[in-house]
Each structure stands twice: as structure tokens, then as C-alpha cells.
Amino acid sequence: MGNIFMQFWHSQGSSTAHNDLVRKVDTTGSAEIDLQDGARKLPDFSFCDWDFRLSSEERSFPTTIWEVAYAEAASKLAVDCAQFIACSLGRGLLAIGVDIKHSEERGIRKLALVKCSTWELDRIECISHWPPRAGDKLLGCDLDTLYRSDGHATAKARDLVRPPATSFFCISEVGGQGSQAFFAFHAKETQAFNVSYCTLNS
């Protein structure tokens, strides 16, 4: 999948808009990244900010990723996208999910549906004290764990409760000894739309 994205990226090389973009971002392909919840994520494709005013750590962490699902459930794709945003201390800014569904009739494989979704950082909420006290809305939540937050009963994201979630949050500690603070990073699905229908020969 990474090769497909790279071919597309280079095929646009003659345009002025593409050349301007190349000066600002760098392709990191499917490089592995570490997230706050302990996951080691391998996105299908990613970009990072190529700005020398940023630290090397900031330049190496992608700001934009693509996740493509062929056989995974839509709820798993939502978790993958939100995890990148909410469990990255705000470094992940945009996740694009591509959900590809096929059907088969009389030996002909059909591309039944391609659904795209975009996920972004919705807000960063300062947590006044940690751990939560009796009566706090976050009582029972753990640090560095992705939680669903779209009106369903708060559940760990990995439970993959259906229908697919549209928002999540993750609480993480920021700073070192003596200066640490706690924040909830909220990820939200900002768009979801169908792309195309066509038929493929099997």
C-alpha cells in the first residue's frame, strides 16, 4: 500500500502546488511510531513536518497518516485513526481512513463501497488533578488508554463496540518531575463520505 501512495505522490511532481508542498513536508511512508497507550503503530502512509525549527523528535513524528482497511471492521479503522490523534500528545493532527468493501456476484468481484473519513484533534482538556476523585467524570479511567466518548457508555476503545465510534479521548501526562500536568486529548471524526462505486474483474 505504501508503494501506491509513493507512486501517487511522485506522479504529482510537475505541479506548482506539489512542489510547494514538498518543501514543507516529508514522506515517512509506513515508518513505525510509538504511541502513549503502548501501541507501536505502522500506518499505511504518513507525512511529517519538514521544518528545521522543530526538534528532531518533532520532525520524525508524522502529523498526517493514512489507514486503509480491506477486511477490518469499520469500528477497528475508527480506533486506528483516533489512536494516532488522541494517543500522540497532540502531535498527530490528521488521520485519513479509507474503508474498502467488496462483494462478489457470479465470479465478478465488485468494489461495492469506498468510504473515507477524516479524524482531527478536537480539543486538549486540562485535567485539574490526577488521579480522579469520587464523583469526577473521569473516575475509573486510566492514563494512556483510548476511550470512546461519543455518547455511548464510556468503554475502552479496544472493545470495538458497534456502531463505529465518532470520537475518543486519551489522558496523558505531559512534563517531567515537578512540572508534570495531565491532559485529555480528544479526537473526533470530522468528515465521512462515500467515494465511488465500480466493478473489478476477479
C-alpha atoms as a PDB file:
ATOM      1  CA  MET A   1       0.000   0.000   0.000  1.00  0.00           C
ATOM      2  CA  GLY A   2       2.861   2.348   0.763  1.00  0.00           C
ATOM      3  CA  ASN A   3       4.134   1.910  -2.810  1.00  0.00           C
ATOM      4  CA  ILE A   4       0.772   3.056  -4.175  1.00  0.00           C
ATOM      5  CA  PHE A   5       0.902   6.237  -2.108  1.00  0.00           C
ATOM      6  CA  MET A   6       4.504   6.881  -3.140  1.00  0.00           C
ATOM      7  CA  GLN A   7       3.649   6.483  -6.849  1.00  0.00           C
ATOM      8  CA  PHE A   8       0.799   8.931  -6.463  1.00  0.00           C
ATOM      9  CA  TRP A   9       2.991  11.365  -4.509  1.00  0.00           C
ATOM     10  CA  HIS A  10       5.692  11.373  -7.209  1.00  0.00           C
ATOM     11  CA  SER A  11       3.193  11.464 -10.090  1.00  0.00           C
ATOM     12  CA  GLN A  12       2.116  14.954  -9.000  1.00  0.00           C
ATOM     13  CA  GLY A  13       5.680  16.260  -9.099  1.00  0.00           C
ATOM     14  CA  SER A  14       5.257  18.619 -12.035  1.00  0.00           C
ATOM     15  CA  SER A  15       2.619  20.804 -10.396  1.00  0.00           C
ATOM     16  CA  THR A  16       3.497  24.040  -8.616  1.00  0.00           C
ATOM     17  CA  ALA A  17       1.252  23.161  -5.680  1.00  0.00           C
ATOM     18  CA  HIS A  18       3.030  19.832  -5.260  1.00  0.00           C
ATOM     19  CA  ASN A  19       6.484  21.437  -5.329  1.00  0.00           C
ATOM     20  CA  ASP A  20       5.411  23.963  -2.678  1.00  0.00           C
ATOM     21  CA  LEU A  21       4.105  21.147  -0.512  1.00  0.00           C
ATOM     22  CA  VAL A  22       7.285  19.103  -0.877  1.00  0.00           C
ATOM     23  CA  ARG A  23       9.266  21.936   0.680  1.00  0.00           C
ATOM     24  CA  LYS A  24       7.062  21.821   3.793  1.00  0.00           C
ATOM     25  CA  VAL A  25       6.524  18.111   4.398  1.00  0.00           C
ATOM     26  CA  ASP A  26       8.419  14.863   4.096  1.00  0.00           C
ATOM     27  CA  THR A  27       7.054  11.423   3.305  1.00  0.00           C
ATOM     28  CA  THR A  28       7.711   8.922   6.053  1.00  0.00           C
ATOM     29  CA  GLY A  29       5.893   6.106   4.292  1.00  0.00           C
ATOM     30  CA  SER A  30       4.987   3.336   6.722  1.00  0.00           C
ATOM     31  CA  ALA A  31       7.569   4.096   9.408  1.00  0.00           C
ATOM     32  CA  GLU A  32       6.682   2.698  12.819  1.00  0.00           C
ATOM     33  CA  ILE A  33       5.672   5.150  15.544  1.00  0.00           C
ATOM     34  CA  ASP A  34       5.249   4.741  19.304  1.00  0.00           C
ATOM     35  CA  LEU A  35       2.045   5.972  20.939  1.00  0.00           C
ATOM     36  CA  GLN A  36       1.210   6.806  24.555  1.00  0.00           C
ATOM     37  CA  ASP A  37      -1.010   3.749  25.031  1.00  0.00           C
ATOM     38  CA  GLY A  38       1.928   1.445  24.361  1.00  0.00           C
ATOM     39  CA  ALA A  39       0.966   0.708  20.766  1.00  0.00           C
ATOM     40  CA  ARG A  40       3.610   0.629  18.048  1.00  0.00           C
ATOM     41  CA  LYS A  41       1.694   1.883  15.044  1.00  0.00           C
ATOM     42  CA  LEU A  42       2.589   1.157  11.430  1.00  0.00           C
ATOM     43  CA  PRO A  43       0.399   3.463   9.303  1.00  0.00           C
ATOM     44  CA  ASP A  44      -0.152   2.651   5.643  1.00  0.00           C
ATOM     45  CA  PHE A  45       1.337   6.026   4.708  1.00  0.00           C
ATOM     46  CA  SER A  46       2.329   9.195   6.523  1.00  0.00           C
ATOM     47  CA  PHE A  47       3.752  12.708   6.266  1.00  0.00           C
ATOM     48  CA  CYS A  48       5.762  14.703   8.787  1.00  0.00           C
ATOM     49  CA  ASP A  49       6.519  18.425   9.072  1.00  0.00           C
ATOM     50  CA  TRP A  50       9.866  19.229   7.430  1.00  0.00           C
ATOM     51  CA  ASP A  51      10.668  22.362   9.455  1.00  0.00           C
ATOM     52  CA  PHE A  52      14.188  22.711  10.877  1.00  0.00           C
ATOM     53  CA  ARG A  53      12.888  24.965  13.668  1.00  0.00           C
ATOM     54  CA  LEU A  54      11.328  21.832  15.174  1.00  0.00           C
ATOM     55  CA  SER A  55      13.262  19.325  17.247  1.00  0.00           C
ATOM     56  CA  SER A  56      14.405  16.120  15.577  1.00  0.00           C
ATOM     57  CA  GLU A  57      11.773  14.218  17.597  1.00  0.00           C
ATOM     58  CA  GLU A  58       9.012  16.520  16.357  1.00  0.00           C
ATOM     59  CA  ARG A  59      10.211  16.255  12.755  1.00  0.00           C
ATOM     60  CA  SER A  60      10.290  12.462  12.899  1.00  0.00           C
ATOM     61  CA  PHE A  61       6.754  12.042  14.251  1.00  0.00           C
ATOM     62  CA  PRO A  62       4.159  12.196  11.448  1.00  0.00           C
ATOM     63  CA  THR A  63       1.455  14.851  11.554  1.00  0.00           C
ATOM     64  CA  THR A  64      -0.710  13.087   8.943  1.00  0.00           C
ATOM     65  CA  ILE A  65      -1.375   9.390   8.355  1.00  0.00           C
ATOM     66  CA  TRP A  66      -3.489   7.208   6.071  1.00  0.00           C
ATOM     67  CA  GLU A  67      -5.084   3.982   7.291  1.00  0.00           C
ATOM     68  CA  VAL A  68      -6.615   1.613   4.714  1.00  0.00           C
ATOM     69  CA  ALA A  69      -8.987  -1.208   5.721  1.00  0.00           C
ATOM     70  CA  TYR A  70      -9.772  -4.127   3.392  1.00  0.00           C
ATOM     71  CA  ALA A  71     -11.019  -6.791   5.760  1.00  0.00           C
ATOM     72  CA  GLU A  72     -11.037  -4.972   9.100  1.00  0.00           C
ATOM     73  CA  ALA A  73     -14.270  -3.829  10.686  1.00  0.00           C
ATOM     74  CA  ALA A  74     -15.172  -0.152  10.366  1.00  0.00           C
ATOM     75  CA  SER A  75     -15.006   0.100  14.158  1.00  0.00           C
ATOM     76  CA  LYS A  76     -11.345  -1.034  14.088  1.00  0.00           C
ATOM     77  CA  LEU A  77     -10.491   1.558  11.433  1.00  0.00           C
ATOM     78  CA  ALA A  78     -12.036   4.266  13.629  1.00  0.00           C
ATOM     79  CA  VAL A  79      -9.893   3.133  16.566  1.00  0.00           C
ATOM     80  CA  ASP A  80      -6.734   3.141  14.427  1.00  0.00           C
ATOM     81  CA  CYS A  81      -7.346   6.700  13.230  1.00  0.00           C
ATOM     82  CA  ALA A  82      -8.351   8.093  16.623  1.00  0.00           C
ATOM     83  CA  GLN A  83      -5.483   6.348  18.384  1.00  0.00           C
ATOM     84  CA  PHE A  84      -2.983   8.228  16.231  1.00  0.00           C
ATOM     85  CA  ILE A  85      -4.595  11.566  17.157  1.00  0.00           C
ATOM     86  CA  ALA A  86      -5.515  11.080  20.827  1.00  0.00           C
ATOM     87  CA  CYS A  87      -2.538   8.985  21.957  1.00  0.00           C
ATOM     88  CA  SER A  88       0.220  11.156  20.468  1.00  0.00           C
ATOM     89  CA  LEU A  89       0.261  14.105  22.914  1.00  0.00           C
ATOM     90  CA  GLY A  90      -1.268  16.281  20.207  1.00  0.00           C
ATOM     91  CA  ARG A  91       1.499  15.639  17.668  1.00  0.00           C
ATOM     92  CA  GLY A  92      -0.801  13.741  15.291  1.00  0.00           C
ATOM     93  CA  LEU A  93      -3.030  16.281  13.553  1.00  0.00           C
ATOM     94  CA  LEU A  94      -4.876  14.425  10.788  1.00  0.00           C
ATOM     95  CA  ALA A  95      -5.744  10.782  10.166  1.00  0.00           C
ATOM     96  CA  ILE A  96      -7.461   9.709   6.947  1.00  0.00           C
ATOM     97  CA  GLY A  97      -9.287   6.392   6.977  1.00  0.00           C
ATOM     98  CA  VAL A  98     -10.139   4.540   3.751  1.00  0.00           C
ATOM     99  CA  ASP A  99     -12.629   1.690   4.199  1.00  0.00           C
ATOM    100  CA  ILE A 100     -12.826  -0.584   1.126  1.00  0.00           C
ATOM    101  CA  LYS A 101     -15.725  -3.028   0.854  1.00  0.00           C
ATOM    102  CA  HIS A 102     -16.075  -5.732  -1.825  1.00  0.00           C
ATOM    103  CA  SER A 103     -18.846  -8.053  -2.903  1.00  0.00           C
ATOM    104  CA  GLU A 104     -18.861 -10.950  -5.369  1.00  0.00           C
ATOM    105  CA  GLU A 105     -21.567 -11.971  -7.826  1.00  0.00           C
ATOM    106  CA  ARG A 106     -21.187 -14.825 -10.361  1.00  0.00           C
ATOM    107  CA  GLY A 107     -17.412 -14.761 -10.306  1.00  0.00           C
ATOM    108  CA  ILE A 108     -17.202 -10.999 -10.696  1.00  0.00           C
ATOM    109  CA  ARG A 109     -15.622  -9.148  -7.809  1.00  0.00           C
ATOM    110  CA  LYS A 110     -17.245  -5.789  -7.237  1.00  0.00           C
ATOM    111  CA  LEU A 111     -15.866  -2.836  -5.390  1.00  0.00           C
ATOM    112  CA  ALA A 112     -19.091  -2.137  -3.545  1.00  0.00           C
ATOM    113  CA  LEU A 113     -18.086   0.851  -1.473  1.00  0.00           C
ATOM    114  CA  VAL A 114     -15.154   3.093  -0.636  1.00  0.00           C
ATOM    115  CA  LYS A 115     -15.769   5.233   2.401  1.00  0.00           C
ATOM    116  CA  CYS A 116     -13.333   7.911   3.520  1.00  0.00           C
ATOM    117  CA  SER A 117     -13.212   9.541   6.916  1.00  0.00           C
ATOM    118  CA  THR A 118     -11.020  12.241   8.416  1.00  0.00           C
ATOM    119  CA  TRP A 119     -10.042  12.463  12.061  1.00  0.00           C
ATOM    120  CA  GLU A 120      -8.587  15.511  13.768  1.00  0.00           C
ATOM    121  CA  LEU A 121      -7.598  16.773  17.198  1.00  0.00           C
ATOM    122  CA  ASP A 122     -10.826  18.271  18.542  1.00  0.00           C
ATOM    123  CA  ARG A 123      -9.506  19.817  21.756  1.00  0.00           C
ATOM    124  CA  ILE A 124      -6.994  19.424  24.575  1.00  0.00           C
ATOM    125  CA  GLU A 125      -8.579  19.415  28.021  1.00  0.00           C
ATOM    126  CA  CYS A 126      -6.516  20.244  31.111  1.00  0.00           C
ATOM    127  CA  ILE A 127      -7.161  17.804  33.979  1.00  0.00           C
ATOM    128  CA  SER A 128      -7.060  19.739  37.255  1.00  0.00           C
ATOM    129  CA  HIS A 129      -5.991  16.804  39.416  1.00  0.00           C
ATOM    130  CA  TRP A 130      -4.976  13.187  38.963  1.00  0.00           C
ATOM    131  CA  PRO A 131      -6.000  10.553  39.901  1.00  0.00           C
ATOM    132  CA  PRO A 132      -9.728  11.372  39.701  1.00  0.00           C
ATOM    133  CA  ARG A 133     -11.649  11.789  42.938  1.00  0.00           C
ATOM    134  CA  ALA A 134     -15.029  10.385  43.900  1.00  0.00           C
ATOM    135  CA  GLY A 135     -17.713  11.972  41.729  1.00  0.00           C
ATOM    136  CA  ASP A 136     -15.323  13.044  38.947  1.00  0.00           C
ATOM    137  CA  LYS A 137     -16.475  12.250  35.413  1.00  0.00           C
ATOM    138  CA  LEU A 138     -13.147  10.512  34.727  1.00  0.00           C
ATOM    139  CA  LEU A 139     -13.314   8.222  37.750  1.00  0.00           C
ATOM    140  CA  GLY A 140     -12.287   4.733  36.658  1.00  0.00           C
ATOM    141  CA  CYS A 141     -10.227   5.943  33.700  1.00  0.00           C
ATOM    142  CA  ASP A 142      -6.567   5.036  33.357  1.00  0.00           C
ATOM    143  CA  LEU A 143      -3.720   7.056  31.925  1.00  0.00           C
ATOM    144  CA  ASP A 144      -2.628   6.422  28.345  1.00  0.00           C
ATOM    145  CA  THR A 145      -5.743   4.456  27.420  1.00  0.00           C
ATOM    146  CA  LEU A 146      -8.028   5.229  24.476  1.00  0.00           C
ATOM    147  CA  TYR A 147     -11.692   5.682  25.477  1.00  0.00           C
ATOM    148  CA  ARG A 148     -14.801   6.112  23.375  1.00  0.00           C
ATOM    149  CA  SER A 149     -16.614   9.411  24.017  1.00  0.00           C
ATOM    150  CA  ASP A 150     -19.470   9.782  21.520  1.00  0.00           C
ATOM    151  CA  GLY A 151     -22.441   9.244  23.812  1.00  0.00           C
ATOM    152  CA  HIS A 152     -22.153   5.500  24.265  1.00  0.00           C
ATOM    153  CA  ALA A 153     -21.221   4.220  27.690  1.00  0.00           C
ATOM    154  CA  THR A 154     -17.563   5.039  28.234  1.00  0.00           C
ATOM    155  CA  ALA A 155     -15.709   1.913  27.194  1.00  0.00           C
ATOM    156  CA  LYS A 156     -12.149   1.146  26.318  1.00  0.00           C
ATOM    157  CA  ALA A 157     -11.765   1.640  22.601  1.00  0.00           C
ATOM    158  CA  ARG A 158     -10.367  -1.837  22.053  1.00  0.00           C
ATOM    159  CA  ASP A 159     -13.778  -3.291  22.979  1.00  0.00           C
ATOM    160  CA  LEU A 160     -14.878  -2.206  19.463  1.00  0.00           C
ATOM    161  CA  VAL A 161     -18.464  -1.506  20.480  1.00  0.00           C
ATOM    162  CA  ARG A 162     -20.701  -1.005  17.459  1.00  0.00           C
ATOM    163  CA  PRO A 163     -21.617   1.182  15.672  1.00  0.00           C
ATOM    164  CA  PRO A 164     -18.183   2.647  14.881  1.00  0.00           C
ATOM    165  CA  ALA A 165     -17.291   5.478  17.243  1.00  0.00           C
ATOM    166  CA  THR A 166     -17.006   9.081  16.098  1.00  0.00           C
ATOM    167  CA  SER A 167     -14.942  10.454  18.999  1.00  0.00           C
ATOM    168  CA  PHE A 168     -12.374   9.250  21.521  1.00  0.00           C
ATOM    169  CA  PHE A 169     -10.074  10.636  24.202  1.00  0.00           C
ATOM    170  CA  CYS A 170      -6.831   9.639  25.887  1.00  0.00           C
ATOM    171  CA  ILE A 171      -5.446  11.126  29.126  1.00  0.00           C
ATOM    172  CA  SER A 172      -1.669  11.519  29.238  1.00  0.00           C
ATOM    173  CA  GLU A 173       0.932  13.086  31.465  1.00  0.00           C
ATOM    174  CA  VAL A 174       2.990  15.916  29.996  1.00  0.00           C
ATOM    175  CA  GLY A 175       6.228  17.187  31.531  1.00  0.00           C
ATOM    176  CA  GLY A 176       8.773  15.767  33.923  1.00  0.00           C
ATOM    177  CA  GLN A 177       9.262  15.564  37.659  1.00  0.00           C
ATOM    178  CA  GLY A 178       7.955  18.657  39.409  1.00  0.00           C
ATOM    179  CA  SER A 179       6.394  20.120  36.267  1.00  0.00           C
ATOM    180  CA  GLN A 180       4.061  17.357  35.149  1.00  0.00           C
ATOM    181  CA  ALA A 181       0.479  18.086  34.133  1.00  0.00           C
ATOM    182  CA  PHE A 182      -2.326  15.892  32.857  1.00  0.00           C
ATOM    183  CA  PHE A 183      -4.349  16.468  29.712  1.00  0.00           C
ATOM    184  CA  ALA A 184      -7.139  14.693  27.860  1.00  0.00           C
ATOM    185  CA  PHE A 185      -6.525  14.693  24.113  1.00  0.00           C
ATOM    186  CA  HIS A 186      -9.826  14.457  22.231  1.00  0.00           C
ATOM    187  CA  ALA A 187     -10.002  13.030  18.688  1.00  0.00           C
ATOM    188  CA  LYS A 188     -13.083  13.485  16.521  1.00  0.00           C
ATOM    189  CA  GLU A 189     -14.259  12.225  13.139  1.00  0.00           C
ATOM    190  CA  THR A 190     -14.721  15.457  11.181  1.00  0.00           C
ATOM    191  CA  GLN A 191     -15.907  14.018   7.845  1.00  0.00           C
ATOM    192  CA  ALA A 192     -17.219  10.744   6.466  1.00  0.00           C
ATOM    193  CA  PHE A 193     -18.213  10.288   2.841  1.00  0.00           C
ATOM    194  CA  ASN A 194     -18.536   7.647   0.129  1.00  0.00           C
ATOM    195  CA  VAL A 195     -16.063   7.968  -2.721  1.00  0.00           C
ATOM    196  CA  SER A 196     -17.019   5.729  -5.643  1.00  0.00           C
ATOM    197  CA  TYR A 197     -18.557   2.533  -6.980  1.00  0.00           C
ATOM    198  CA  CYS A 198     -17.099   0.386  -9.757  1.00  0.00           C
ATOM    199  CA  THR A 199     -16.738  -3.223 -10.838  1.00  0.00           C
ATOM    200  CA  LEU A 200     -13.484  -5.165 -10.882  1.00  0.00           C
ATOM    201  CA  ASN A 201     -12.861  -8.404 -12.724  1.00  0.00           C
ATOM    202  CA  SER A 202     -11.930 -11.148 -10.294  1.00  0.00           C
END
